[in-house]
Amino acid sequence: MQDKEFLEKLKNAIQTETPLSMDTDFDLLDEWDSLGMMSVVILLENDYNFKTTVVDLLKYKTPREIYNVINVK
C-alpha cells in the first residue's frame, strides 16, 4: 500500500477538504469527531482487513501512526 492512496482514502472517509499529510495532527481537523472516527474504523476494516474501535483510534495522533500499524499486521 502506498501512503498517497491511504491518505486519499482517509480524506474521503472523514470527509475533509483539508489537505492531509502523513504527519497531519488529527486534533487539528474539525472532521476528526466520533462520526469521522467511525468512518475510519469502517474504512480500515473493509479496505485493509484491520479491526479496531473508535476508542483504539484515539491513541493515534497522525495518519502515519495508523498507516504503520496496519502495515505491520
Protein backbone atom coordinates (compact mmCIF):
# COMPACT_ATOMS: atom_id res chain seq x y z
CA MET A 1 0.00 0.00 0.00
CA GLN A 2 1.22 3.46 -0.83
CA ASP A 3 0.84 6.32 1.57
CA LYS A 4 -0.73 8.58 -1.10
CA GLU A 5 -3.52 6.06 -1.70
CA PHE A 6 -4.02 5.64 2.05
CA LEU A 7 -4.24 9.40 2.60
CA GLU A 8 -6.82 9.78 -0.17
CA LYS A 9 -8.99 7.03 1.33
CA LEU A 10 -8.61 8.54 4.80
CA LYS A 11 -9.52 12.01 3.50
CA ASN A 12 -12.64 10.61 1.84
CA ALA A 13 -13.62 8.64 4.95
CA ILE A 14 -13.51 11.65 7.25
CA GLN A 15 -14.98 13.89 4.54
CA THR A 16 -12.46 16.69 4.83
CA GLU A 17 -11.28 19.16 2.24
CA THR A 18 -8.18 19.86 4.31
CA PRO A 19 -5.05 18.50 2.62
CA LEU A 20 -3.66 15.59 4.62
CA SER A 21 -0.07 14.55 5.05
CA MET A 22 1.26 11.56 6.93
CA ASP A 23 2.03 13.91 9.82
CA THR A 24 -1.24 15.86 9.99
CA ASP A 25 -2.39 16.13 13.60
CA PHE A 26 -5.90 14.68 13.75
CA ASP A 27 -6.75 17.00 16.63
CA LEU A 28 -6.45 19.96 14.23
CA LEU A 29 -9.20 18.62 11.95
CA ASP A 30 -12.79 19.63 12.68
CA GLU A 31 -13.92 16.43 10.97
CA TRP A 32 -11.97 14.23 13.42
CA ASP A 33 -15.02 13.62 15.58
CA SER A 34 -16.91 10.49 16.53
CA LEU A 35 -18.55 10.25 13.09
CA GLY A 36 -15.21 10.74 11.31
CA MET A 37 -13.54 8.15 13.51
CA MET A 38 -16.34 5.65 12.95
CA SER A 39 -15.90 6.14 9.20
CA VAL A 40 -12.18 5.38 9.59
CA VAL A 41 -12.98 2.24 11.60
CA ILE A 42 -15.17 1.06 8.72
CA LEU A 43 -12.51 2.01 6.13
CA LEU A 44 -9.80 0.08 7.97
CA GLU A 45 -11.97 -3.00 8.33
CA ASN A 46 -13.32 -3.02 4.76
CA ASP A 47 -10.22 -1.95 2.82
CA TYR A 48 -7.39 -3.24 5.00
CA ASN A 49 -8.97 -6.09 6.97
CA PHE A 50 -7.86 -4.33 10.16
CA LYS A 51 -10.29 -4.42 13.06
CA THR A 52 -10.20 -1.56 15.54
CA THR A 53 -12.56 0.63 17.54
CA VAL A 54 -13.11 4.35 17.92
CA VAL A 55 -11.59 4.08 21.41
CA ASP A 56 -8.46 2.49 19.91
CA LEU A 57 -8.24 5.23 17.26
CA LEU A 58 -7.94 7.84 19.99
CA LYS A 59 -4.36 6.75 20.65
CA TYR A 60 -3.29 7.60 17.09
CA LYS A 61 -2.40 11.24 16.52
CA THR A 62 -1.46 11.17 12.82
CA PRO A 63 -2.21 9.20 9.66
CA ARG A 64 1.36 7.83 9.81
CA GLU A 65 0.64 6.13 13.14
CA ILE A 66 -2.39 4.32 11.70
CA TYR A 67 -0.52 3.53 8.47
CA ASN A 68 2.37 1.97 10.38
CA VAL A 69 0.07 -0.20 12.49
CA ILE A 70 -1.93 -1.57 9.56
CA ASN A 71 1.26 -2.26 7.59
CA VAL A 72 2.74 -4.31 10.43
CA LYS A 73 -0.34 -6.54 10.61
